[in-house]
Amino acid sequence: MLTELLKKQKAFLTAFVIWIVLSVILLLLADKIYWQQFFDARHSLTFDYFFKYFTWFGDGLLIAILSILFAFYRIRLALFSLTTYLVSGLFAQLLKRFVFDDVNRPGYVFDQINLELTQVLDVGLKSYHSFPSGHTTSAFAFFFVLSIMLAGKNQWGQLLFFAAAFLVGFSRVYLNLHFVNDVVMGSLLGVLTTFLMYPLFSGFKAQWLDKPLGSIIFSKKR
């Protein structure tokens, strides 16, 4: 079942592997402080506004709302998306607060070493629970689910969903809310959680799962 998923989602997963490898290479070439400064020096007002709002696609509340709305298109998609978001979010929070609770965010780290860091628009700089990035975890879980359920074998569709997940992850670095390694770990966690949940939601053959919620509601009223 997972082998089949690897074949069907070849474009998304190839892009994902390239992203992970390149990120690891960058972090081997220079530390996370260097890369934070590198991206911090390249702000523009256009990108400030773009990433301020695009980062919402990693926000738990928005993903939960969208996942529920998917039920009016296909119940299986809604359940897969919502459950994967909840499980990946739980993993991320457990790691943040109990395993890596002493890993601080760029705002705190830069303040401690007396380096300046840009506050983008009205996006406040946070201090604690940096690793892994929760928004990135949620975004990669969410968009990977959409790629599986909506793009199918369409490689361009898969790449579009990957790009959306990547941009959410990059937004966390651009907004100075996370370091690159936080985002890398978040993306890994999101994709691995989706793999974990995939057999559960692809294995059930109940016909009602592949119907929109509206058709079930209205059919019962007749």
N, C-alpha and C. Protein backbone atom coordinates (compact mmCIF):
# COMPACT_ATOMS: atom_id res chain seq x y z
N MET A 1 0.83 -1.21 0.00
CA MET A 1 0.00 0.00 0.00
C MET A 1 0.87 1.27 0.00
N LEU A 2 1.90 1.29 0.86
CA LEU A 2 2.79 2.44 0.91
C LEU A 2 3.69 2.50 -0.33
N THR A 3 4.03 1.33 -0.87
CA THR A 3 4.81 1.29 -2.11
C THR A 3 4.02 1.92 -3.25
N GLU A 4 2.73 1.65 -3.27
CA GLU A 4 1.85 2.24 -4.27
C GLU A 4 1.81 3.77 -4.13
N LEU A 5 1.78 4.22 -2.88
CA LEU A 5 1.77 5.66 -2.63
C LEU A 5 3.06 6.31 -3.12
N LEU A 6 4.18 5.65 -2.90
CA LEU A 6 5.47 6.17 -3.36
C LEU A 6 5.47 6.34 -4.88
N LYS A 7 4.87 5.40 -5.59
CA LYS A 7 4.83 5.47 -7.05
C LYS A 7 3.88 6.57 -7.52
N LYS A 8 2.72 6.66 -6.89
CA LYS A 8 1.71 7.63 -7.33
C LYS A 8 2.13 9.07 -7.03
N GLN A 9 2.83 9.26 -5.91
CA GLN A 9 3.22 10.61 -5.49
C GLN A 9 4.70 10.89 -5.77
N LYS A 10 5.16 10.40 -6.88
CA LYS A 10 6.58 10.49 -7.22
C LYS A 10 7.06 11.94 -7.31
N ALA A 11 6.27 12.81 -7.92
CA ALA A 11 6.70 14.20 -8.11
C ALA A 11 6.78 14.92 -6.77
N PHE A 12 5.74 14.79 -5.95
CA PHE A 12 5.73 15.46 -4.65
C PHE A 12 6.90 14.98 -3.81
N LEU A 13 7.10 13.66 -3.75
CA LEU A 13 8.13 13.09 -2.88
C LEU A 13 9.53 13.35 -3.41
N THR A 14 9.69 13.42 -4.73
CA THR A 14 10.99 13.76 -5.29
C THR A 14 11.37 15.19 -4.92
N ALA A 15 10.42 16.10 -5.07
CA ALA A 15 10.66 17.49 -4.68
C ALA A 15 10.96 17.59 -3.19
N PHE A 16 10.25 16.81 -2.41
CA PHE A 16 10.44 16.81 -0.96
C PHE A 16 11.85 16.33 -0.59
N VAL A 17 12.30 15.25 -1.21
CA VAL A 17 13.64 14.72 -0.93
C VAL A 17 14.71 15.74 -1.34
N ILE A 18 14.53 16.37 -2.49
CA ILE A 18 15.48 17.39 -2.95
C ILE A 18 15.56 18.52 -1.93
N TRP A 19 14.40 18.95 -1.44
CA TRP A 19 14.35 20.01 -0.44
C TRP A 19 15.09 19.62 0.83
N ILE A 20 14.89 18.41 1.30
CA ILE A 20 15.55 17.95 2.52
C ILE A 20 17.07 17.88 2.32
N VAL A 21 17.49 17.30 1.21
CA VAL A 21 18.93 17.16 0.94
C VAL A 21 19.60 18.53 0.83
N LEU A 22 19.00 19.44 0.07
CA LEU A 22 19.58 20.78 -0.08
C LEU A 22 19.64 21.51 1.25
N SER A 23 18.61 21.36 2.07
CA SER A 23 18.59 22.02 3.38
C SER A 23 19.69 21.49 4.28
N VAL A 24 19.87 20.19 4.27
CA VAL A 24 20.93 19.58 5.08
C VAL A 24 22.30 20.07 4.62
N ILE A 25 22.49 20.16 3.30
CA ILE A 25 23.76 20.65 2.76
C ILE A 25 24.01 22.09 3.22
N LEU A 26 22.96 22.93 3.14
CA LEU A 26 23.10 24.32 3.57
C LEU A 26 23.49 24.41 5.04
N LEU A 27 22.88 23.58 5.86
CA LEU A 27 23.16 23.60 7.29
C LEU A 27 24.53 23.03 7.62
N LEU A 28 25.05 22.20 6.74
CA LEU A 28 26.41 21.70 6.92
C LEU A 28 27.44 22.74 6.50
N LEU A 29 27.06 23.57 5.52
CA LEU A 29 27.96 24.62 5.05
C LEU A 29 28.04 25.80 6.02
N ALA A 30 26.92 26.10 6.67
CA ALA A 30 26.89 27.22 7.63
C ALA A 30 25.80 26.94 8.66
N ASP A 31 25.93 27.55 9.85
CA ASP A 31 24.97 27.26 10.92
C ASP A 31 23.67 28.02 10.72
N LYS A 32 22.70 27.72 11.57
CA LYS A 32 21.36 28.29 11.43
C LYS A 32 21.36 29.80 11.64
N ILE A 33 22.29 30.34 12.42
CA ILE A 33 22.37 31.78 12.63
C ILE A 33 22.72 32.49 11.32
N TYR A 34 23.68 31.92 10.61
CA TYR A 34 24.08 32.51 9.33
C TYR A 34 22.90 32.58 8.37
N TRP A 35 22.19 31.47 8.22
CA TRP A 35 21.09 31.44 7.26
C TRP A 35 19.94 32.33 7.69
N GLN A 36 19.73 32.48 8.99
CA GLN A 36 18.69 33.41 9.46
C GLN A 36 19.06 34.84 9.07
N GLN A 37 20.32 35.19 9.25
CA GLN A 37 20.78 36.52 8.86
C GLN A 37 20.71 36.69 7.34
N PHE A 38 21.05 35.65 6.62
CA PHE A 38 21.03 35.69 5.15
C PHE A 38 19.64 36.05 4.64
N PHE A 39 18.61 35.37 5.12
CA PHE A 39 17.25 35.64 4.67
C PHE A 39 16.69 36.93 5.28
N ASP A 40 17.13 37.25 6.48
CA ASP A 40 16.67 38.48 7.13
C ASP A 40 17.11 39.72 6.36
N ALA A 41 18.23 39.62 5.67
CA ALA A 41 18.77 40.76 4.92
C ALA A 41 18.08 40.92 3.56
N ARG A 42 17.12 40.05 3.24
CA ARG A 42 16.53 40.07 1.91
C ARG A 42 15.01 40.26 1.94
N HIS A 43 14.56 41.10 2.86
CA HIS A 43 13.13 41.40 2.95
C HIS A 43 12.72 42.45 1.92
N SER A 44 11.49 42.36 1.48
CA SER A 44 10.88 43.42 0.67
C SER A 44 9.44 43.55 1.13
N LEU A 45 8.85 44.70 0.92
CA LEU A 45 7.49 44.93 1.40
C LEU A 45 6.49 43.97 0.77
N THR A 46 6.69 43.68 -0.53
CA THR A 46 5.79 42.75 -1.22
C THR A 46 5.82 41.38 -0.57
N PHE A 47 7.04 40.86 -0.35
CA PHE A 47 7.16 39.55 0.27
C PHE A 47 6.74 39.57 1.74
N ASP A 48 6.93 40.71 2.39
CA ASP A 48 6.48 40.82 3.78
C ASP A 48 4.98 40.53 3.88
N TYR A 49 4.21 41.19 3.02
CA TYR A 49 2.76 40.99 3.05
C TYR A 49 2.38 39.60 2.57
N PHE A 50 3.07 39.12 1.54
CA PHE A 50 2.75 37.79 1.00
C PHE A 50 2.94 36.72 2.06
N PHE A 51 4.11 36.70 2.69
CA PHE A 51 4.39 35.64 3.65
C PHE A 51 3.63 35.82 4.97
N LYS A 52 3.30 37.07 5.30
CA LYS A 52 2.50 37.30 6.50
C LYS A 52 1.17 36.56 6.41
N TYR A 53 0.56 36.58 5.22
CA TYR A 53 -0.75 35.95 5.06
C TYR A 53 -0.66 34.50 4.58
N PHE A 54 0.35 34.19 3.77
CA PHE A 54 0.45 32.81 3.28
C PHE A 54 0.77 31.85 4.40
N THR A 55 1.45 32.34 5.43
CA THR A 55 1.80 31.47 6.56
C THR A 55 0.57 30.93 7.27
N TRP A 56 -0.58 31.56 7.05
CA TRP A 56 -1.84 31.09 7.67
C TRP A 56 -2.21 29.69 7.20
N PHE A 57 -1.70 29.28 6.03
CA PHE A 57 -2.01 27.93 5.55
C PHE A 57 -1.33 26.84 6.38
N GLY A 58 -0.57 27.25 7.37
CA GLY A 58 -0.03 26.30 8.33
C GLY A 58 -0.69 26.45 9.69
N ASP A 59 -1.67 27.35 9.76
CA ASP A 59 -2.37 27.59 11.02
C ASP A 59 -3.40 26.50 11.28
N GLY A 60 -3.42 25.99 12.49
CA GLY A 60 -4.28 24.87 12.81
C GLY A 60 -5.75 25.14 12.63
N LEU A 61 -6.19 26.33 13.03
CA LEU A 61 -7.62 26.66 12.93
C LEU A 61 -8.07 26.69 11.48
N LEU A 62 -7.28 27.32 10.61
CA LEU A 62 -7.66 27.39 9.19
C LEU A 62 -7.69 26.00 8.57
N ILE A 63 -6.68 25.18 8.88
CA ILE A 63 -6.64 23.82 8.32
C ILE A 63 -7.83 23.00 8.82
N ALA A 64 -8.19 23.16 10.08
CA ALA A 64 -9.34 22.43 10.63
C ALA A 64 -10.63 22.85 9.92
N ILE A 65 -10.81 24.14 9.71
CA ILE A 65 -12.01 24.64 9.03
C ILE A 65 -12.07 24.12 7.59
N LEU A 66 -10.96 24.23 6.87
CA LEU A 66 -10.92 23.75 5.49
C LEU A 66 -11.18 22.25 5.42
N SER A 67 -10.61 21.51 6.37
CA SER A 67 -10.80 20.05 6.38
C SER A 67 -12.27 19.70 6.58
N ILE A 68 -12.94 20.41 7.46
CA ILE A 68 -14.37 20.17 7.70
C ILE A 68 -15.19 20.51 6.45
N LEU A 69 -14.82 21.60 5.79
CA LEU A 69 -15.54 21.99 4.57
C LEU A 69 -15.35 20.98 3.45
N PHE A 70 -14.21 20.29 3.45
CA PHE A 70 -13.97 19.26 2.43
C PHE A 70 -15.02 18.16 2.47
N ALA A 71 -15.69 18.02 3.61
CA ALA A 71 -16.72 16.98 3.73
C ALA A 71 -17.84 17.20 2.73
N PHE A 72 -18.05 18.43 2.31
CA PHE A 72 -19.10 18.71 1.33
C PHE A 72 -18.65 18.39 -0.09
N TYR A 73 -17.37 18.01 -0.22
CA TYR A 73 -16.85 17.52 -1.50
C TYR A 73 -16.66 16.01 -1.45
N ARG A 74 -16.00 15.54 -0.38
CA ARG A 74 -15.74 14.12 -0.23
C ARG A 74 -15.40 13.84 1.24
N ILE A 75 -16.17 13.00 1.87
CA ILE A 75 -16.01 12.75 3.30
C ILE A 75 -14.65 12.13 3.62
N ARG A 76 -14.17 11.25 2.79
CA ARG A 76 -12.87 10.62 3.03
C ARG A 76 -11.75 11.67 3.09
N LEU A 77 -11.80 12.63 2.18
CA LEU A 77 -10.80 13.70 2.16
C LEU A 77 -10.86 14.50 3.45
N ALA A 78 -12.06 14.83 3.90
CA ALA A 78 -12.21 15.61 5.13
C ALA A 78 -11.64 14.87 6.34
N LEU A 79 -11.96 13.60 6.47
CA LEU A 79 -11.49 12.82 7.62
C LEU A 79 -9.98 12.60 7.56
N PHE A 80 -9.47 12.32 6.38
CA PHE A 80 -8.03 12.11 6.20
C PHE A 80 -7.27 13.39 6.55
N SER A 81 -7.75 14.51 6.02
CA SER A 81 -7.08 15.79 6.26
C SER A 81 -7.13 16.19 7.73
N LEU A 82 -8.30 16.11 8.33
CA LEU A 82 -8.45 16.54 9.72
C LEU A 82 -7.67 15.65 10.67
N THR A 83 -7.76 14.35 10.48
CA THR A 83 -7.06 13.42 11.37
C THR A 83 -5.55 13.55 11.25
N THR A 84 -5.07 13.68 10.02
CA THR A 84 -3.63 13.82 9.80
C THR A 84 -3.12 15.12 10.43
N TYR A 85 -3.89 16.19 10.28
CA TYR A 85 -3.50 17.46 10.92
C TYR A 85 -3.43 17.30 12.44
N LEU A 86 -4.44 16.68 13.04
CA LEU A 86 -4.48 16.54 14.49
C LEU A 86 -3.32 15.68 15.00
N VAL A 87 -3.05 14.58 14.33
CA VAL A 87 -1.97 13.67 14.77
C VAL A 87 -0.61 14.33 14.59
N SER A 88 -0.39 14.95 13.44
CA SER A 88 0.91 15.60 13.19
C SER A 88 1.11 16.76 14.16
N GLY A 89 0.03 17.50 14.43
CA GLY A 89 0.11 18.60 15.38
C GLY A 89 0.43 18.12 16.78
N LEU A 90 -0.15 16.99 17.17
CA LEU A 90 0.13 16.42 18.48
C LEU A 90 1.60 16.02 18.59
N PHE A 91 2.11 15.36 17.56
CA PHE A 91 3.53 14.97 17.56
C PHE A 91 4.42 16.21 17.69
N ALA A 92 4.10 17.25 16.91
CA ALA A 92 4.92 18.46 16.92
C ALA A 92 4.93 19.12 18.29
N GLN A 93 3.75 19.20 18.91
CA GLN A 93 3.66 19.85 20.22
C GLN A 93 4.37 19.04 21.31
N LEU A 94 4.28 17.73 21.22
CA LEU A 94 4.99 16.88 22.20
C LEU A 94 6.50 17.09 22.09
N LEU A 95 7.00 17.16 20.85
CA LEU A 95 8.42 17.39 20.66
C LEU A 95 8.82 18.78 21.13
N LYS A 96 8.02 19.77 20.80
CA LYS A 96 8.30 21.15 21.16
C LYS A 96 8.40 21.34 22.68
N ARG A 97 7.43 20.78 23.38
CA ARG A 97 7.24 21.12 24.78
C ARG A 97 7.86 20.14 25.77
N PHE A 98 8.18 18.95 25.30
CA PHE A 98 8.69 17.96 26.25
C PHE A 98 10.06 17.38 25.87
N VAL A 99 10.40 17.39 24.60
CA VAL A 99 11.68 16.83 24.18
C VAL A 99 12.70 17.94 23.88
N PHE A 100 12.26 18.93 23.10
CA PHE A 100 13.14 20.04 22.72
C PHE A 100 12.65 21.36 23.31
N ASP A 101 12.18 21.31 24.54
CA ASP A 101 11.60 22.50 25.17
C ASP A 101 12.62 23.60 25.45
N ASP A 102 13.91 23.27 25.38
CA ASP A 102 14.95 24.27 25.65
C ASP A 102 15.49 24.89 24.36
N VAL A 103 14.90 24.55 23.22
CA VAL A 103 15.34 25.12 21.93
C VAL A 103 14.52 26.39 21.68
N ASN A 104 15.20 27.52 21.59
CA ASN A 104 14.52 28.81 21.49
C ASN A 104 14.44 29.33 20.06
N ARG A 105 13.54 30.27 19.86
CA ARG A 105 13.29 30.83 18.54
C ARG A 105 14.31 31.91 18.19
N PRO A 106 14.35 32.30 16.90
CA PRO A 106 15.33 33.30 16.47
C PRO A 106 15.28 34.61 17.27
N GLY A 107 14.10 35.09 17.60
CA GLY A 107 13.99 36.34 18.33
C GLY A 107 14.75 36.31 19.65
N TYR A 108 14.62 35.21 20.38
CA TYR A 108 15.29 35.06 21.66
C TYR A 108 16.79 34.86 21.47
N VAL A 109 17.16 33.99 20.54
CA VAL A 109 18.57 33.66 20.31
C VAL A 109 19.35 34.89 19.86
N PHE A 110 18.79 35.66 18.93
CA PHE A 110 19.49 36.84 18.43
C PHE A 110 19.60 37.91 19.51
N ASP A 111 18.60 38.01 20.36
CA ASP A 111 18.67 38.97 21.46
C ASP A 111 19.80 38.60 22.43
N GLN A 112 19.97 37.31 22.66
CA GLN A 112 21.00 36.86 23.60
C GLN A 112 22.41 37.09 23.07
N ILE A 113 22.59 37.09 21.76
CA ILE A 113 23.93 37.29 21.20
C ILE A 113 24.09 38.70 20.60
N ASN A 114 23.14 39.57 20.95
CA ASN A 114 23.20 40.99 20.57
C ASN A 114 23.28 41.22 19.06
N LEU A 115 22.42 40.49 18.33
CA LEU A 115 22.28 40.69 16.90
C LEU A 115 20.87 41.17 16.59
N GLU A 116 20.78 42.05 15.60
CA GLU A 116 19.46 42.59 15.24
C GLU A 116 18.71 41.59 14.35
N LEU A 117 17.39 41.62 14.50
CA LEU A 117 16.53 40.76 13.70
C LEU A 117 15.28 41.54 13.36
N THR A 118 14.88 41.51 12.11
CA THR A 118 13.73 42.29 11.65
C THR A 118 12.42 41.72 12.16
N GLN A 119 11.56 42.60 12.65
CA GLN A 119 10.17 42.20 12.91
C GLN A 119 9.38 42.57 11.67
N VAL A 120 8.82 41.59 11.00
CA VAL A 120 8.12 41.82 9.75
C VAL A 120 6.71 42.33 10.02
N LEU A 121 6.45 43.56 9.56
CA LEU A 121 5.15 44.19 9.76
C LEU A 121 4.74 44.09 11.23
N ASP A 122 3.53 43.56 11.49
CA ASP A 122 3.08 43.44 12.89
C ASP A 122 3.18 42.01 13.40
N VAL A 123 3.98 41.18 12.72
CA VAL A 123 4.18 39.80 13.16
C VAL A 123 5.20 39.80 14.30
N GLY A 124 4.74 39.51 15.49
CA GLY A 124 5.61 39.57 16.66
C GLY A 124 6.67 38.47 16.66
N LEU A 125 7.82 38.78 17.22
CA LEU A 125 8.88 37.80 17.37
C LEU A 125 8.64 36.99 18.64
N LYS A 126 8.66 35.68 18.51
CA LYS A 126 8.43 34.81 19.66
C LYS A 126 9.76 34.33 20.23
N SER A 127 9.69 33.68 21.39
CA SER A 127 10.93 33.32 22.08
C SER A 127 11.16 31.83 22.24
N TYR A 128 10.11 31.08 22.55
CA TYR A 128 10.32 29.70 22.97
C TYR A 128 9.66 28.67 22.04
N HIS A 129 9.97 27.39 22.30
CA HIS A 129 9.37 26.26 21.59
C HIS A 129 9.55 26.39 20.08
N SER A 130 10.81 26.35 19.67
CA SER A 130 11.14 26.57 18.27
C SER A 130 11.15 25.30 17.43
N PHE A 131 11.57 24.20 18.02
CA PHE A 131 11.85 22.98 17.24
C PHE A 131 10.89 21.85 17.62
N PRO A 132 10.15 21.30 16.64
CA PRO A 132 10.09 21.66 15.21
C PRO A 132 9.06 22.76 14.96
N SER A 133 8.99 23.24 13.74
CA SER A 133 7.99 24.24 13.37
C SER A 133 6.61 23.59 13.24
N GLY A 134 5.68 24.01 14.09
CA GLY A 134 4.33 23.45 14.04
C GLY A 134 3.59 23.82 12.77
N HIS A 135 3.73 25.07 12.32
CA HIS A 135 3.07 25.49 11.09
C HIS A 135 3.55 24.67 9.90
N THR A 136 4.87 24.42 9.85
CA THR A 136 5.42 23.64 8.75
C THR A 136 4.94 22.20 8.80
N THR A 137 4.89 21.64 10.00
CA THR A 137 4.38 20.28 10.16
C THR A 137 2.96 20.18 9.62
N SER A 138 2.11 21.11 10.05
CA SER A 138 0.71 21.09 9.62
C SER A 138 0.58 21.31 8.12
N ALA A 139 1.38 22.23 7.58
CA ALA A 139 1.29 22.54 6.15
C ALA A 139 1.69 21.34 5.28
N PHE A 140 2.78 20.67 5.64
CA PHE A 140 3.22 19.53 4.83
C PHE A 140 2.25 18.36 4.96
N ALA A 141 1.69 18.16 6.16
CA ALA A 141 0.68 17.12 6.32
C ALA A 141 -0.55 17.44 5.48
N PHE A 142 -1.00 18.69 5.56
CA PHE A 142 -2.21 19.13 4.87
C PHE A 142 -2.07 19.05 3.35
N PHE A 143 -0.99 19.62 2.83
CA PHE A 143 -0.83 19.67 1.37
C PHE A 143 -0.44 18.32 0.78
N PHE A 144 0.21 17.48 1.57
CA PHE A 144 0.50 16.13 1.08
C PHE A 144 -0.80 15.32 0.97
N VAL A 145 -1.68 15.49 1.93
CA VAL A 145 -3.00 14.85 1.85
C VAL A 145 -3.74 15.33 0.61
N LEU A 146 -3.72 16.64 0.36
CA LEU A 146 -4.40 17.17 -0.83
C LEU A 146 -3.77 16.63 -2.11
N SER A 147 -2.46 16.50 -2.10
CA SER A 147 -1.78 15.95 -3.28
C SER A 147 -2.22 14.51 -3.53
N ILE A 148 -2.32 13.74 -2.47
CA ILE A 148 -2.74 12.34 -2.60
C ILE A 148 -4.17 12.23 -3.10
N MET A 149 -5.04 13.03 -2.51
CA MET A 149 -6.47 12.89 -2.76
C MET A 149 -6.96 13.65 -4.00
N LEU A 150 -6.29 14.74 -4.35
CA LEU A 150 -6.78 15.59 -5.44
C LEU A 150 -5.90 15.56 -6.68
N ALA A 151 -4.60 15.45 -6.49
CA ALA A 151 -3.70 15.47 -7.65
C ALA A 151 -3.56 14.09 -8.28
N GLY A 152 -3.67 13.04 -7.45
CA GLY A 152 -3.51 11.70 -7.99
C GLY A 152 -2.14 11.51 -8.61
N LYS A 153 -2.11 11.09 -9.88
CA LYS A 153 -0.83 10.90 -10.57
C LYS A 153 -0.42 12.13 -11.37
N ASN A 154 -1.17 13.21 -11.26
CA ASN A 154 -0.85 14.44 -11.97
C ASN A 154 0.39 15.10 -11.35
N GLN A 155 1.51 15.03 -12.04
CA GLN A 155 2.77 15.50 -11.47
C GLN A 155 2.78 17.01 -11.25
N TRP A 156 2.17 17.76 -12.14
CA TRP A 156 2.14 19.21 -11.97
C TRP A 156 1.28 19.60 -10.77
N GLY A 157 0.19 18.86 -10.58
CA GLY A 157 -0.63 19.11 -9.39
C GLY A 157 0.12 18.80 -8.12
N GLN A 158 0.87 17.70 -8.13
CA GLN A 158 1.68 17.34 -6.97
C GLN A 158 2.71 18.41 -6.66
N LEU A 159 3.36 18.92 -7.70
CA LEU A 159 4.38 19.95 -7.51
C LEU A 159 3.76 21.24 -6.99
N LEU A 160 2.55 21.53 -7.43
CA LEU A 160 1.85 22.73 -6.94
C LEU A 160 1.57 22.61 -5.44
N PHE A 161 1.12 21.44 -5.00
CA PHE A 161 0.85 21.24 -3.58
C PHE A 161 2.16 21.25 -2.77
N PHE A 162 3.22 20.68 -3.34
CA PHE A 162 4.50 20.74 -2.64
C PHE A 162 4.96 22.19 -2.49
N ALA A 163 4.83 22.96 -3.56
CA ALA A 163 5.25 24.36 -3.53
C ALA A 163 4.50 25.13 -2.44
N ALA A 164 3.22 24.85 -2.31
CA ALA A 164 2.43 25.52 -1.27
C ALA A 164 2.95 25.17 0.12
N ALA A 165 3.23 23.89 0.36
CA ALA A 165 3.77 23.46 1.65
C ALA A 165 5.14 24.10 1.90
N PHE A 166 5.97 24.10 0.87
CA PHE A 166 7.31 24.68 0.99
C PHE A 166 7.24 26.16 1.34
N LEU A 167 6.35 26.89 0.69
CA LEU A 167 6.23 28.33 0.93
C LEU A 167 5.77 28.62 2.35
N VAL A 168 4.90 27.78 2.90
CA VAL A 168 4.52 27.95 4.30
C VAL A 168 5.75 27.76 5.19
N GLY A 169 6.52 26.70 4.91
CA GLY A 169 7.73 26.46 5.69
C GLY A 169 8.71 27.62 5.58
N PHE A 170 8.93 28.10 4.35
CA PHE A 170 9.86 29.21 4.16
C PHE A 170 9.35 30.48 4.85
N SER A 171 8.04 30.65 4.86
CA SER A 171 7.48 31.84 5.52
C SER A 171 7.86 31.91 6.98
N ARG A 172 8.01 30.77 7.63
CA ARG A 172 8.37 30.75 9.06
C ARG A 172 9.79 31.27 9.27
N VAL A 173 10.68 30.99 8.30
CA VAL A 173 12.04 31.53 8.37
C VAL A 173 12.03 33.00 7.99
N TYR A 174 11.31 33.33 6.92
CA TYR A 174 11.24 34.71 6.43
C TYR A 174 10.69 35.65 7.50
N LEU A 175 9.69 35.20 8.24
CA LEU A 175 9.07 36.02 9.29
C LEU A 175 9.87 36.00 10.59
N ASN A 176 11.01 35.33 10.58
CA ASN A 176 11.90 35.23 11.74
C ASN A 176 11.23 34.56 12.94
N LEU A 177 10.39 33.58 12.65
CA LEU A 177 9.72 32.83 13.70
C LEU A 177 10.36 31.46 13.94
N HIS A 178 11.15 31.00 12.96
CA HIS A 178 11.81 29.70 13.08
C HIS A 178 13.13 29.70 12.32
N PHE A 179 14.03 28.81 12.74
CA PHE A 179 15.26 28.57 12.02
C PHE A 179 15.01 27.53 10.93
N VAL A 180 15.96 27.43 10.00
CA VAL A 180 15.83 26.48 8.89
C VAL A 180 15.67 25.05 9.39
N ASN A 181 16.44 24.66 10.41
CA ASN A 181 16.36 23.28 10.89
C ASN A 181 15.01 22.98 11.53
N ASP A 182 14.34 23.99 12.11
CA ASP A 182 12.99 23.81 12.65
C ASP A 182 12.02 23.43 11.54
N VAL A 183 12.20 24.11 10.41
CA VAL A 183 11.31 23.90 9.26
C VAL A 183 11.58 22.54 8.62
N VAL A 184 12.85 22.17 8.52
CA VAL A 184 13.19 20.86 7.96
C VAL A 184 12.54 19.75 8.77
N MET A 185 12.68 19.82 10.08
CA MET A 185 12.10 18.79 10.94
C MET A 185 10.57 18.80 10.85
N GLY A 186 9.98 19.98 10.78
CA GLY A 186 8.53 20.08 10.65
C GLY A 186 8.02 19.44 9.37
N SER A 187 8.74 19.66 8.27
CA SER A 187 8.32 19.07 6.99
C SER A 187 8.43 17.55 7.03
N LEU A 188 9.51 17.05 7.63
CA LEU A 188 9.66 15.60 7.78
C LEU A 188 8.53 15.01 8.61
N LEU A 189 8.20 15.67 9.69
CA LEU A 189 7.15 15.19 10.58
C LEU A 189 5.80 15.18 9.88
N GLY A 190 5.51 16.23 9.11
CA GLY A 190 4.24 16.29 8.40
C GLY A 190 4.09 15.20 7.36
N VAL A 191 5.14 14.97 6.58
CA VAL A 191 5.08 13.95 5.53
C VAL A 191 5.04 12.55 6.13
N LEU A 192 5.84 12.29 7.15
CA LEU A 192 5.85 10.97 7.78
C LEU A 192 4.51 10.65 8.45
N THR A 193 3.88 11.65 9.04
CA THR A 193 2.57 11.43 9.65
C THR A 193 1.53 11.08 8.59
N THR A 194 1.61 11.73 7.45
CA THR A 194 0.68 11.43 6.35
C THR A 194 0.87 10.00 5.87
N PHE A 195 2.11 9.57 5.76
CA PHE A 195 2.39 8.16 5.41
C PHE A 195 1.78 7.22 6.45
N LEU A 196 1.90 7.61 7.71
CA LEU A 196 1.38 6.78 8.80
C LEU A 196 -0.14 6.65 8.73
N MET A 197 -0.82 7.73 8.36
CA MET A 197 -2.27 7.75 8.35
C MET A 197 -2.86 7.22 7.05
N TYR A 198 -2.07 7.20 5.99
CA TYR A 198 -2.58 6.82 4.67
C TYR A 198 -3.23 5.43 4.64
N PRO A 199 -2.61 4.38 5.20
CA PRO A 199 -3.25 3.06 5.15
C PRO A 199 -4.61 3.03 5.82
N LEU A 200 -4.76 3.83 6.87
CA LEU A 200 -6.03 3.87 7.59
C LEU A 200 -7.17 4.39 6.72
N PHE A 201 -6.89 5.42 5.93
CA PHE A 201 -7.96 6.05 5.16
C PHE A 201 -8.07 5.54 3.73
N SER A 202 -7.06 4.85 3.25
CA SER A 202 -7.17 4.26 1.91
C SER A 202 -7.71 2.84 1.97
N GLY A 203 -7.65 2.23 3.15
CA GLY A 203 -8.06 0.83 3.28
C GLY A 203 -9.55 0.62 3.39
N PHE A 204 -10.28 1.61 3.92
CA PHE A 204 -11.72 1.47 4.07
C PHE A 204 -12.41 1.62 2.72
N LYS A 205 -13.31 0.68 2.39
CA LYS A 205 -13.99 0.68 1.09
C LYS A 205 -15.45 1.14 1.17
N ALA A 206 -15.85 1.65 2.33
CA ALA A 206 -17.24 2.09 2.50
C ALA A 206 -17.59 3.16 1.47
N GLN A 207 -18.69 2.98 0.77
CA GLN A 207 -19.06 3.89 -0.31
C GLN A 207 -19.38 5.29 0.19
N TRP A 208 -19.93 5.40 1.40
CA TRP A 208 -20.31 6.72 1.91
C TRP A 208 -19.11 7.63 2.12
N LEU A 209 -17.92 7.05 2.30
CA LEU A 209 -16.72 7.86 2.49
C LEU A 209 -16.35 8.66 1.24
N ASP A 210 -16.76 8.17 0.09
CA ASP A 210 -16.41 8.83 -1.16
C ASP A 210 -17.56 9.67 -1.71
N LYS A 211 -18.50 9.99 -0.85
CA LYS A 211 -19.62 10.86 -1.23
C LYS A 211 -19.52 12.19 -0.50
N PRO A 212 -20.11 13.23 -1.06
CA PRO A 212 -20.18 14.49 -0.32
C PRO A 212 -21.20 14.40 0.81
N LEU A 213 -20.94 15.10 1.87
CA LEU A 213 -21.83 15.05 3.03
C LEU A 213 -23.25 15.46 2.67
N GLY A 214 -23.37 16.44 1.77
CA GLY A 214 -24.69 16.92 1.39
C GLY A 214 -25.56 15.84 0.78
N SER A 215 -24.98 14.97 -0.04
CA SER A 215 -25.77 13.92 -0.69
C SER A 215 -26.31 12.92 0.34
N ILE A 216 -25.55 12.69 1.40
CA ILE A 216 -26.00 11.77 2.44
C ILE A 216 -27.12 12.39 3.27
N ILE A 217 -26.95 13.68 3.60
CA ILE A 217 -27.95 14.39 4.40
C ILE A 217 -29.27 14.46 3.65
N PHE A 218 -29.22 14.86 2.37
CA PHE A 218 -30.45 15.03 1.60
C PHE A 218 -31.10 13.70 1.25
N SER A 219 -30.30 12.66 1.09
CA SER A 219 -30.87 11.34 0.78
C SER A 219 -31.64 10.79 1.96
N LYS A 220 -31.23 11.13 3.17
CA LYS A 220 -31.92 10.66 4.37
C LYS A 220 -33.22 11.40 4.60
N LYS A 221 -33.31 12.62 4.06
CA LYS A 221 -34.54 13.40 4.24
C LYS A 221 -35.65 12.95 3.31
N ARG A 222 -35.32 12.25 2.25
CA ARG A 222 -36.34 11.84 1.27
C ARG A 222 -37.19 10.69 1.80
